[in-house]
Amino acid sequence: GINAEYMGPLLKKSLSPLGDRVLVQRVVTAKQTKSGVLLPESSQKKTNEGKVLAVGPGLKDVPMSLKKDDTVILPEYGGALVTFDDAELHLFRENEILAVVRSD
């Protein structure tokens, strides 16, 4: 899962999806142009691409086909928004994810 340290090394938190859920972080568009001009948040578009951070164990007799670090195509709506360690993450069921981006 995702590990984040709180209050020093003695107390750690982790986030691990259950069942057929997949924890994804959406890819964020650039906050500034190549020349260094800062873009306002209103002009930064939400992408439908994300990176898999963690996957659940799957359901009985149905193994998970996604794995950590996969790049995936997400639906425009759906999933559960989760804020963890000041990051906006999304939990989707595996069957809600539209595609996996593979580089051969």
PDB file of N, CA and C in Angstrom:
ATOM      1  N   GLY A   1       0.818  -1.196   0.000  1.00  0.00           N
ATOM      2  CA  GLY A   1       0.000   0.000   0.000  1.00  0.00           C
ATOM      3  C   GLY A   1       0.858   1.255   0.000  1.00  0.00           C
ATOM      4  N   ILE A   2       0.207   2.361   0.174  1.00  0.00           N
ATOM      5  CA  ILE A   2       0.868   3.662   0.251  1.00  0.00           C
ATOM      6  C   ILE A   2       1.327   3.844   1.684  1.00  0.00           C
ATOM      7  N   ASN A   3       2.570   4.207   1.882  1.00  0.00           N
ATOM      8  CA  ASN A   3       3.075   4.424   3.240  1.00  0.00           C
ATOM      9  C   ASN A   3       3.336   5.897   3.459  1.00  0.00           C
ATOM     10  N   ALA A   4       2.955   6.365   4.604  1.00  0.00           N
ATOM     11  CA  ALA A   4       3.211   7.761   4.972  1.00  0.00           C
ATOM     12  C   ALA A   4       3.589   7.777   6.441  1.00  0.00           C
ATOM     13  N   GLU A   5       4.678   8.457   6.758  1.00  0.00           N
ATOM     14  CA  GLU A   5       5.115   8.514   8.150  1.00  0.00           C
ATOM     15  C   GLU A   5       4.433   9.662   8.867  1.00  0.00           C
ATOM     16  N   TYR A   6       3.970   9.392  10.070  1.00  0.00           N
ATOM     17  CA  TYR A   6       3.379  10.403  10.936  1.00  0.00           C
ATOM     18  C   TYR A   6       4.048  10.288  12.294  1.00  0.00           C
ATOM     19  N   MET A   7       4.381  11.398  12.892  1.00  0.00           N
ATOM     20  CA  MET A   7       4.947  11.424  14.242  1.00  0.00           C
ATOM     21  C   MET A   7       6.210  10.576  14.335  1.00  0.00           C
ATOM     22  N   GLY A   8       7.079  10.697  13.346  1.00  0.00           N
ATOM     23  CA  GLY A   8       8.338   9.978  13.393  1.00  0.00           C
ATOM     24  C   GLY A   8       8.221   8.551  12.890  1.00  0.00           C
ATOM     25  N   PRO A   9       9.293   7.795  12.999  1.00  0.00           N
ATOM     26  CA  PRO A   9       9.326   6.447  12.428  1.00  0.00           C
ATOM     27  C   PRO A   9       8.545   5.395  13.219  1.00  0.00           C
ATOM     28  N   LEU A  10       8.039   5.734  14.402  1.00  0.00           N
ATOM     29  CA  LEU A  10       7.359   4.724  15.214  1.00  0.00           C
ATOM     30  C   LEU A  10       5.929   4.459  14.764  1.00  0.00           C
ATOM     31  N   LEU A  11       5.269   5.458  14.173  1.00  0.00           N
ATOM     32  CA  LEU A  11       3.875   5.305  13.770  1.00  0.00           C
ATOM     33  C   LEU A  11       3.766   5.517  12.271  1.00  0.00           C
ATOM     34  N   LYS A  12       3.339   4.477  11.545  1.00  0.00           N
ATOM     35  CA  LYS A  12       3.195   4.582  10.092  1.00  0.00           C
ATOM     36  C   LYS A  12       1.770   4.240   9.710  1.00  0.00           C
ATOM     37  N   LYS A  13       1.298   4.895   8.655  1.00  0.00           N
ATOM     38  CA  LYS A  13      -0.024   4.601   8.108  1.00  0.00           C
ATOM     39  C   LYS A  13       0.155   4.052   6.709  1.00  0.00           C
ATOM     40  N   SER A  14      -0.707   3.140   6.333  1.00  0.00           N
ATOM     41  CA  SER A  14      -0.690   2.655   4.956  1.00  0.00           C
ATOM     42  C   SER A  14      -2.122   2.521   4.469  1.00  0.00           C
ATOM     43  N   LEU A  15      -2.287   2.573   3.176  1.00  0.00           N
ATOM     44  CA  LEU A  15      -3.604   2.486   2.551  1.00  0.00           C
ATOM     45  C   LEU A  15      -3.580   1.330   1.566  1.00  0.00           C
ATOM     46  N   SER A  16      -4.386   0.307   1.821  1.00  0.00           N
ATOM     47  CA  SER A  16      -4.428  -0.874   0.961  1.00  0.00           C
ATOM     48  C   SER A  16      -5.870  -1.121   0.528  1.00  0.00           C
ATOM     49  N   PRO A  17      -6.129  -1.154  -0.783  1.00  0.00           N
ATOM     50  CA  PRO A  17      -7.488  -1.411  -1.268  1.00  0.00           C
ATOM     51  C   PRO A  17      -7.957  -2.817  -0.904  1.00  0.00           C
ATOM     52  N   LEU A  18      -9.248  -2.966  -0.729  1.00  0.00           N
ATOM     53  CA  LEU A  18      -9.856  -4.261  -0.427  1.00  0.00           C
ATOM     54  C   LEU A  18     -10.553  -4.809  -1.663  1.00  0.00           C
ATOM     55  N   GLY A  19     -10.709  -6.131  -1.707  1.00  0.00           N
ATOM     56  CA  GLY A  19     -11.461  -6.773  -2.786  1.00  0.00           C
ATOM     57  C   GLY A  19     -10.868  -6.470  -4.152  1.00  0.00           C
ATOM     58  N   ASP A  20     -11.738  -6.073  -5.082  1.00  0.00           N
ATOM     59  CA  ASP A  20     -11.296  -5.804  -6.458  1.00  0.00           C
ATOM     60  C   ASP A  20     -11.071  -4.313  -6.706  1.00  0.00           C
ATOM     61  N   ARG A  21     -10.739  -3.589  -5.654  1.00  0.00           N
ATOM     62  CA  ARG A  21     -10.534  -2.148  -5.795  1.00  0.00           C
ATOM     63  C   ARG A  21      -9.085  -1.821  -6.156  1.00  0.00           C
ATOM     64  N   VAL A  22      -8.940  -0.690  -6.853  1.00  0.00           N
ATOM     65  CA  VAL A  22      -7.644  -0.235  -7.333  1.00  0.00           C
ATOM     66  C   VAL A  22      -7.466   1.211  -6.884  1.00  0.00           C
ATOM     67  N   LEU A  23      -6.329   1.520  -6.267  1.00  0.00           N
ATOM     68  CA  LEU A  23      -6.020   2.877  -5.826  1.00  0.00           C
ATOM     69  C   LEU A  23      -5.213   3.560  -6.922  1.00  0.00           C
ATOM     70  N   VAL A  24      -5.739   4.697  -7.415  1.00  0.00           N
ATOM     71  CA  VAL A  24      -5.157   5.371  -8.571  1.00  0.00           C
ATOM     72  C   VAL A  24      -4.929   6.844  -8.248  1.00  0.00           C
ATOM     73  N   GLN A  25      -3.846   7.387  -8.765  1.00  0.00           N
ATOM     74  CA  GLN A  25      -3.630   8.832  -8.707  1.00  0.00           C
ATOM     75  C   GLN A  25      -3.707   9.356 -10.131  1.00  0.00           C
ATOM     76  N   ARG A  26      -4.615  10.319 -10.355  1.00  0.00           N
ATOM     77  CA  ARG A  26      -4.765  10.896 -11.689  1.00  0.00           C
ATOM     78  C   ARG A  26      -3.500  11.653 -12.074  1.00  0.00           C
ATOM     79  N   VAL A  27      -3.154  11.586 -13.357  1.00  0.00           N
ATOM     80  CA  VAL A  27      -2.037  12.348 -13.888  1.00  0.00           C
ATOM     81  C   VAL A  27      -2.486  13.805 -13.946  1.00  0.00           C
ATOM     82  N   VAL A  28      -1.655  14.704 -13.441  1.00  0.00           N
ATOM     83  CA  VAL A  28      -1.989  16.123 -13.392  1.00  0.00           C
ATOM     84  C   VAL A  28      -1.285  16.839 -14.531  1.00  0.00           C
ATOM     85  N   THR A  29      -2.010  17.733 -15.198  1.00  0.00           N
ATOM     86  CA  THR A  29      -1.400  18.503 -16.281  1.00  0.00           C
ATOM     87  C   THR A  29      -0.423  19.522 -15.696  1.00  0.00           C
ATOM     88  N   ALA A  30       0.426  20.021 -16.525  1.00  0.00           N
ATOM     89  CA  ALA A  30       1.468  20.963 -16.090  1.00  0.00           C
ATOM     90  C   ALA A  30       0.865  22.214 -15.462  1.00  0.00           C
ATOM     91  N   LYS A  31       1.517  22.708 -14.419  1.00  0.00           N
ATOM     92  CA  LYS A  31       1.065  23.929 -13.751  1.00  0.00           C
ATOM     93  C   LYS A  31       1.720  25.162 -14.349  1.00  0.00           C
ATOM     94  N   GLN A  32       2.712  24.932 -15.199  1.00  0.00           N
ATOM     95  CA  GLN A  32       3.331  26.065 -15.889  1.00  0.00           C
ATOM     96  C   GLN A  32       3.786  25.616 -17.272  1.00  0.00           C
ATOM     97  N   THR A  33       3.919  26.568 -18.159  1.00  0.00           N
ATOM     98  CA  THR A  33       4.341  26.260 -19.516  1.00  0.00           C
ATOM     99  C   THR A  33       5.838  25.991 -19.542  1.00  0.00           C
ATOM    100  N   LYS A  34       6.327  25.511 -20.668  1.00  0.00           N
ATOM    101  CA  LYS A  34       7.768  25.234 -20.804  1.00  0.00           C
ATOM    102  C   LYS A  34       8.600  26.486 -20.608  1.00  0.00           C
ATOM    103  N   SER A  35       8.025  27.645 -20.957  1.00  0.00           N
ATOM    104  CA  SER A  35       8.765  28.901 -20.798  1.00  0.00           C
ATOM    105  C   SER A  35       8.668  29.450 -19.381  1.00  0.00           C
ATOM    106  N   GLY A  36       7.904  28.768 -18.488  1.00  0.00           N
ATOM    107  CA  GLY A  36       7.852  29.162 -17.089  1.00  0.00           C
ATOM    108  C   GLY A  36       6.643  29.984 -16.687  1.00  0.00           C
ATOM    109  N   VAL A  37       5.698  30.211 -17.621  1.00  0.00           N
ATOM    110  CA  VAL A  37       4.494  30.976 -17.290  1.00  0.00           C
ATOM    111  C   VAL A  37       3.567  30.098 -16.463  1.00  0.00           C
ATOM    112  N   LEU A  38       3.176  30.585 -15.282  1.00  0.00           N
ATOM    113  CA  LEU A  38       2.278  29.822 -14.415  1.00  0.00           C
ATOM    114  C   LEU A  38       0.863  29.845 -14.968  1.00  0.00           C
ATOM    115  N   LEU A  39       0.212  28.691 -14.980  1.00  0.00           N
ATOM    116  CA  LEU A  39      -1.158  28.586 -15.475  1.00  0.00           C
ATOM    117  C   LEU A  39      -2.136  28.614 -14.309  1.00  0.00           C
ATOM    118  N   PRO A  40      -3.254  29.325 -14.449  1.00  0.00           N
ATOM    119  CA  PRO A  40      -4.263  29.295 -13.383  1.00  0.00           C
ATOM    120  C   PRO A  40      -4.913  27.922 -13.317  1.00  0.00           C
ATOM    121  N   GLU A  41      -5.415  27.550 -12.134  1.00  0.00           N
ATOM    122  CA  GLU A  41      -6.031  26.229 -11.972  1.00  0.00           C
ATOM    123  C   GLU A  41      -7.170  26.002 -12.953  1.00  0.00           C
ATOM    124  N   SER A  42      -7.900  27.067 -13.297  1.00  0.00           N
ATOM    125  CA  SER A  42      -9.041  26.917 -14.194  1.00  0.00           C
ATOM    126  C   SER A  42      -8.626  26.465 -15.595  1.00  0.00           C
ATOM    127  N   SER A  43      -7.381  26.721 -15.986  1.00  0.00           N
ATOM    128  CA  SER A  43      -6.939  26.309 -17.318  1.00  0.00           C
ATOM    129  C   SER A  43      -6.238  24.951 -17.313  1.00  0.00           C
ATOM    130  N   GLN A  44      -6.021  24.380 -16.131  1.00  0.00           N
ATOM    131  CA  GLN A  44      -5.407  23.055 -16.045  1.00  0.00           C
ATOM    132  C   GLN A  44      -6.509  22.018 -16.181  1.00  0.00           C
ATOM    133  N   LYS A  45      -6.444  21.224 -17.244  1.00  0.00           N
ATOM    134  CA  LYS A  45      -7.519  20.270 -17.456  1.00  0.00           C
ATOM    135  C   LYS A  45      -7.267  18.957 -16.712  1.00  0.00           C
ATOM    136  N   LYS A  46      -8.374  18.320 -16.335  1.00  0.00           N
ATOM    137  CA  LYS A  46      -8.313  17.024 -15.670  1.00  0.00           C
ATOM    138  C   LYS A  46      -8.114  15.958 -16.742  1.00  0.00           C
ATOM    139  N   THR A  47      -7.131  15.111 -16.555  1.00  0.00           N
ATOM    140  CA  THR A  47      -6.885  14.065 -17.554  1.00  0.00           C
ATOM    141  C   THR A  47      -7.624  12.790 -17.154  1.00  0.00           C
ATOM    142  N   ASN A  48      -7.766  11.896 -18.104  1.00  0.00           N
ATOM    143  CA  ASN A  48      -8.402  10.612 -17.795  1.00  0.00           C
ATOM    144  C   ASN A  48      -7.361   9.515 -17.662  1.00  0.00           C
ATOM    145  N   GLU A  49      -6.111   9.906 -17.466  1.00  0.00           N
ATOM    146  CA  GLU A  49      -5.034   8.940 -17.291  1.00  0.00           C
ATOM    147  C   GLU A  49      -4.614   8.930 -15.824  1.00  0.00           C
ATOM    148  N   GLY A  50      -4.253   7.756 -15.332  1.00  0.00           N
ATOM    149  CA  GLY A  50      -3.824   7.659 -13.949  1.00  0.00           C
ATOM    150  C   GLY A  50      -2.765   6.593 -13.770  1.00  0.00           C
ATOM    151  N   LYS A  51      -2.149   6.630 -12.591  1.00  0.00           N
ATOM    152  CA  LYS A  51      -1.126   5.634 -12.257  1.00  0.00           C
ATOM    153  C   LYS A  51      -1.642   4.796 -11.103  1.00  0.00           C
ATOM    154  N   VAL A  52      -1.543   3.474 -11.238  1.00  0.00           N
ATOM    155  CA  VAL A  52      -1.989   2.556 -10.192  1.00  0.00           C
ATOM    156  C   VAL A  52      -0.969   2.577  -9.058  1.00  0.00           C
ATOM    157  N   LEU A  53      -1.447   2.907  -7.856  1.00  0.00           N
ATOM    158  CA  LEU A  53      -0.571   2.949  -6.687  1.00  0.00           C
ATOM    159  C   LEU A  53      -0.628   1.653  -5.886  1.00  0.00           C
ATOM    160  N   ALA A  54      -1.803   1.002  -5.886  1.00  0.00           N
ATOM    161  CA  ALA A  54      -1.973  -0.257  -5.146  1.00  0.00           C
ATOM    162  C   ALA A  54      -3.207  -0.969  -5.667  1.00  0.00           C
ATOM    163  N   VAL A  55      -3.225  -2.287  -5.569  1.00  0.00           N
ATOM    164  CA  VAL A  55      -4.389  -3.082  -5.968  1.00  0.00           C
ATOM    165  C   VAL A  55      -4.791  -4.003  -4.824  1.00  0.00           C
ATOM    166  N   GLY A  56      -6.084  -4.270  -4.739  1.00  0.00           N
ATOM    167  CA  GLY A  56      -6.583  -5.207  -3.747  1.00  0.00           C
ATOM    168  C   GLY A  56      -6.261  -6.638  -4.150  1.00  0.00           C
ATOM    169  N   PRO A  57      -6.605  -7.598  -3.292  1.00  0.00           N
ATOM    170  CA  PRO A  57      -6.293  -9.004  -3.566  1.00  0.00           C
ATOM    171  C   PRO A  57      -7.171  -9.634  -4.646  1.00  0.00           C
ATOM    172  N   GLY A  58      -8.258  -8.968  -5.027  1.00  0.00           N
ATOM    173  CA  GLY A  58      -9.186  -9.532  -6.001  1.00  0.00           C
ATOM    174  C   GLY A  58     -10.335 -10.225  -5.295  1.00  0.00           C
ATOM    175  N   LEU A  59     -11.267 -10.703  -6.080  1.00  0.00           N
ATOM    176  CA  LEU A  59     -12.412 -11.426  -5.534  1.00  0.00           C
ATOM    177  C   LEU A  59     -12.170 -12.923  -5.634  1.00  0.00           C
ATOM    178  N   LYS A  60     -12.976 -13.682  -4.944  1.00  0.00           N
ATOM    179  CA  LYS A  60     -12.849 -15.142  -4.939  1.00  0.00           C
ATOM    180  C   LYS A  60     -12.846 -15.678  -6.375  1.00  0.00           C
ATOM    181  N   ASP A  61     -11.843 -16.419  -6.743  1.00  0.00           N
ATOM    182  CA  ASP A  61     -11.682 -17.033  -8.064  1.00  0.00           C
ATOM    183  C   ASP A  61     -11.510 -16.035  -9.206  1.00  0.00           C
ATOM    184  N   VAL A  62     -11.293 -14.746  -8.904  1.00  0.00           N
ATOM    185  CA  VAL A  62     -11.073 -13.747  -9.951  1.00  0.00           C
ATOM    186  C   VAL A  62      -9.810 -12.946  -9.602  1.00  0.00           C
ATOM    187  N   PRO A  63      -8.664 -13.317 -10.173  1.00  0.00           N
ATOM    188  CA  PRO A  63      -7.428 -12.592  -9.861  1.00  0.00           C
ATOM    189  C   PRO A  63      -7.442 -11.191 -10.482  1.00  0.00           C
ATOM    190  N   MET A  64      -6.659 -10.307  -9.923  1.00  0.00           N
ATOM    191  CA  MET A  64      -6.560  -8.944 -10.442  1.00  0.00           C
ATOM    192  C   MET A  64      -5.644  -8.938 -11.670  1.00  0.00           C
ATOM    193  N   SER A  65      -6.047  -8.226 -12.713  1.00  0.00           N
ATOM    194  CA  SER A  65      -5.203  -8.131 -13.906  1.00  0.00           C
ATOM    195  C   SER A  65      -4.327  -6.888 -13.885  1.00  0.00           C
ATOM    196  N   LEU A  66      -4.658  -5.909 -13.049  1.00  0.00           N
ATOM    197  CA  LEU A  66      -3.842  -4.710 -12.920  1.00  0.00           C
ATOM    198  C   LEU A  66      -2.784  -4.911 -11.850  1.00  0.00           C
ATOM    199  N   LYS A  67      -1.702  -4.149 -11.974  1.00  0.00           N
ATOM    200  CA  LYS A  67      -0.651  -4.218 -10.955  1.00  0.00           C
ATOM    201  C   LYS A  67      -0.137  -2.810 -10.672  1.00  0.00           C
ATOM    202  N   LYS A  68       0.581  -2.690  -9.567  1.00  0.00           N
ATOM    203  CA  LYS A  68       1.159  -1.406  -9.163  1.00  0.00           C
ATOM    204  C   LYS A  68       2.009  -0.845 -10.305  1.00  0.00           C
ATOM    205  N   ASP A  69       1.945   0.466 -10.480  1.00  0.00           N
ATOM    206  CA  ASP A  69       2.695   1.223 -11.492  1.00  0.00           C
ATOM    207  C   ASP A  69       2.121   1.122 -12.901  1.00  0.00           C
ATOM    208  N   ASP A  70       1.012   0.392 -13.116  1.00  0.00           N
ATOM    209  CA  ASP A  70       0.354   0.403 -14.419  1.00  0.00           C
ATOM    210  C   ASP A  70      -0.189   1.802 -14.679  1.00  0.00           C
ATOM    211  N   THR A  71      -0.166   2.220 -15.941  1.00  0.00           N
ATOM    212  CA  THR A  71      -0.828   3.456 -16.354  1.00  0.00           C
ATOM    213  C   THR A  71      -2.163   3.059 -16.944  1.00  0.00           C
ATOM    214  N   VAL A  72      -3.241   3.681 -16.478  1.00  0.00           N
ATOM    215  CA  VAL A  72      -4.582   3.277 -16.877  1.00  0.00           C
ATOM    216  C   VAL A  72      -5.384   4.465 -17.398  1.00  0.00           C
ATOM    217  N   ILE A  73      -6.416   4.158 -18.168  1.00  0.00           N
ATOM    218  CA  ILE A  73      -7.375   5.151 -18.642  1.00  0.00           C
ATOM    219  C   ILE A  73      -8.608   5.034 -17.753  1.00  0.00           C
ATOM    220  N   LEU A  74      -9.014   6.170 -17.166  1.00  0.00           N
ATOM    221  CA  LEU A  74     -10.103   6.194 -16.193  1.00  0.00           C
ATOM    222  C   LEU A  74     -11.366   6.789 -16.794  1.00  0.00           C
ATOM    223  N   PRO A  75     -12.523   6.388 -16.271  1.00  0.00           N
ATOM    224  CA  PRO A  75     -13.757   7.038 -16.707  1.00  0.00           C
ATOM    225  C   PRO A  75     -13.788   8.481 -16.212  1.00  0.00           C
ATOM    226  N   GLU A  76     -14.572   9.318 -16.890  1.00  0.00           N
ATOM    227  CA  GLU A  76     -14.656  10.722 -16.489  1.00  0.00           C
ATOM    228  C   GLU A  76     -15.258  10.857 -15.090  1.00  0.00           C
ATOM    229  N   TYR A  77     -16.234  10.016 -14.786  1.00  0.00           N
ATOM    230  CA  TYR A  77     -16.892  10.044 -13.474  1.00  0.00           C
ATOM    231  C   TYR A  77     -16.790   8.670 -12.837  1.00  0.00           C
ATOM    232  N   GLY A  78     -17.018   8.629 -11.538  1.00  0.00           N
ATOM    233  CA  GLY A  78     -17.010   7.356 -10.839  1.00  0.00           C
ATOM    234  C   GLY A  78     -15.829   7.262  -9.896  1.00  0.00           C
ATOM    235  N   GLY A  79     -15.754   6.158  -9.213  1.00  0.00           N
ATOM    236  CA  GLY A  79     -14.704   5.969  -8.231  1.00  0.00           C
ATOM    237  C   GLY A  79     -14.986   6.780  -6.984  1.00  0.00           C
ATOM    238  N   ALA A  80     -14.218   6.529  -5.964  1.00  0.00           N
ATOM    239  CA  ALA A  80     -14.364   7.256  -4.698  1.00  0.00           C
ATOM    240  C   ALA A  80     -13.123   8.103  -4.485  1.00  0.00           C
ATOM    241  N   LEU A  81     -13.331   9.396  -4.248  1.00  0.00           N
ATOM    242  CA  LEU A  81     -12.224  10.298  -3.980  1.00  0.00           C
ATOM    243  C   LEU A  81     -11.745  10.080  -2.554  1.00  0.00           C
ATOM    244  N   VAL A  82     -10.438   9.895  -2.385  1.00  0.00           N
ATOM    245  CA  VAL A  82      -9.842   9.667  -1.074  1.00  0.00           C
ATOM    246  C   VAL A  82      -8.691  10.656  -0.913  1.00  0.00           C
ATOM    247  N   THR A  83      -8.660  11.374   0.197  1.00  0.00           N
ATOM    248  CA  THR A  83      -7.514  12.237   0.491  1.00  0.00           C
ATOM    249  C   THR A  83      -6.655  11.515   1.517  1.00  0.00           C
ATOM    250  N   PHE A  84      -5.408  11.261   1.148  1.00  0.00           N
ATOM    251  CA  PHE A  84      -4.498  10.531   2.028  1.00  0.00           C
ATOM    252  C   PHE A  84      -3.138  11.190   1.957  1.00  0.00           C
ATOM    253  N   ASP A  85      -2.607  11.574   3.083  1.00  0.00           N
ATOM    254  CA  ASP A  85      -1.300  12.222   3.163  1.00  0.00           C
ATOM    255  C   ASP A  85      -1.241  13.431   2.226  1.00  0.00           C
ATOM    256  N   ASP A  86      -2.302  14.247   2.240  1.00  0.00           N
ATOM    257  CA  ASP A  86      -2.422  15.464   1.436  1.00  0.00           C
ATOM    258  C   ASP A  86      -2.430  15.214  -0.066  1.00  0.00           C
ATOM    259  N   ALA A  87      -2.693  13.998  -0.496  1.00  0.00           N
ATOM    260  CA  ALA A  87      -2.780  13.687  -1.922  1.00  0.00           C
ATOM    261  C   ALA A  87      -4.208  13.264  -2.254  1.00  0.00           C
ATOM    262  N   GLU A  88      -4.702  13.709  -3.419  1.00  0.00           N
ATOM    263  CA  GLU A  88      -6.028  13.284  -3.875  1.00  0.00           C
ATOM    264  C   GLU A  88      -5.876  11.993  -4.664  1.00  0.00           C
ATOM    265  N   LEU A  89      -6.457  10.936  -4.153  1.00  0.00           N
ATOM    266  CA  LEU A  89      -6.395   9.621  -4.779  1.00  0.00           C
ATOM    267  C   LEU A  89      -7.811   9.165  -5.095  1.00  0.00           C
ATOM    268  N   HIS A  90      -7.933   8.145  -5.928  1.00  0.00           N
ATOM    269  CA  HIS A  90      -9.240   7.620  -6.311  1.00  0.00           C
ATOM    270  C   HIS A  90      -9.239   6.102  -6.165  1.00  0.00           C
ATOM    271  N   LEU A  91     -10.326   5.583  -5.627  1.00  0.00           N
ATOM    272  CA  LEU A  91     -10.529   4.133  -5.545  1.00  0.00           C
ATOM    273  C   LEU A  91     -11.567   3.735  -6.583  1.00  0.00           C
ATOM    274  N   PHE A  92     -11.194   2.833  -7.464  1.00  0.00           N
ATOM    275  CA  PHE A  92     -12.099   2.304  -8.485  1.00  0.00           C
ATOM    276  C   PHE A  92     -12.178   0.793  -8.327  1.00  0.00           C
ATOM    277  N   ARG A  93     -13.306   0.221  -8.712  1.00  0.00           N
ATOM    278  CA  ARG A  93     -13.351  -1.228  -8.893  1.00  0.00           C
ATOM    279  C   ARG A  93     -12.607  -1.512 -10.196  1.00  0.00           C
ATOM    280  N   GLU A  94     -11.949  -2.653 -10.258  1.00  0.00           N
ATOM    281  CA  GLU A  94     -11.136  -2.940 -11.441  1.00  0.00           C
ATOM    282  C   GLU A  94     -11.957  -2.886 -12.728  1.00  0.00           C
ATOM    283  N   ASN A  95     -13.210  -3.343 -12.683  1.00  0.00           N
ATOM    284  CA  ASN A  95     -14.020  -3.361 -13.908  1.00  0.00           C
ATOM    285  C   ASN A  95     -14.485  -1.971 -14.339  1.00  0.00           C
ATOM    286  N   GLU A  96     -14.275  -0.933 -13.505  1.00  0.00           N
ATOM    287  CA  GLU A  96     -14.606   0.440 -13.894  1.00  0.00           C
ATOM    288  C   GLU A  96     -13.487   1.086 -14.713  1.00  0.00           C
ATOM    289  N   ILE A  97     -12.288   0.544 -14.619  1.00  0.00           N
ATOM    290  CA  ILE A  97     -11.149   1.102 -15.340  1.00  0.00           C
ATOM    291  C   ILE A  97     -11.256   0.696 -16.803  1.00  0.00           C
ATOM    292  N   LEU A  98     -11.089   1.684 -17.695  1.00  0.00           N
ATOM    293  CA  LEU A  98     -11.391   1.472 -19.101  1.00  0.00           C
ATOM    294  C   LEU A  98     -10.298   0.733 -19.870  1.00  0.00           C
ATOM    295  N   ALA A  99      -9.026   1.014 -19.582  1.00  0.00           N
ATOM    296  CA  ALA A  99      -7.937   0.392 -20.356  1.00  0.00           C
ATOM    297  C   ALA A  99      -6.620   0.530 -19.600  1.00  0.00           C
ATOM    298  N   VAL A 100      -5.650  -0.262 -20.024  1.00  0.00           N
ATOM    299  CA  VAL A 100      -4.284  -0.176 -19.520  1.00  0.00           C
ATOM    300  C   VAL A 100      -3.408   0.309 -20.663  1.00  0.00           C
ATOM    301  N   VAL A 101      -2.550   1.284 -20.395  1.00  0.00           N
ATOM    302  CA  VAL A 101      -1.627   1.800 -21.403  1.00  0.00           C
ATOM    303  C   VAL A 101      -0.345   0.990 -21.286  1.00  0.00           C
ATOM    304  N   ARG A 102       0.018   0.308 -22.349  1.00  0.00           N
ATOM    305  CA  ARG A 102       1.223  -0.519 -22.353  1.00  0.00           C
ATOM    306  C   ARG A 102       2.175   0.003 -23.436  1.00  0.00           C
ATOM    307  N   SER A 103       3.455  -0.021 -23.135  1.00  0.00           N
ATOM    308  CA  SER A 103       4.452   0.338 -24.144  1.00  0.00           C
ATOM    309  C   SER A 103       5.231  -0.926 -24.484  1.00  0.00           C
ATOM    310  N   ASP A 104       5.141  -1.333 -25.737  1.00  0.00           N
ATOM    311  CA  ASP A 104       5.786  -2.585 -26.166  1.00  0.00           C
ATOM    312  C   ASP A 104       7.216  -2.392 -26.544  1.00  0.00           C
TER     313      ASP A 104
END
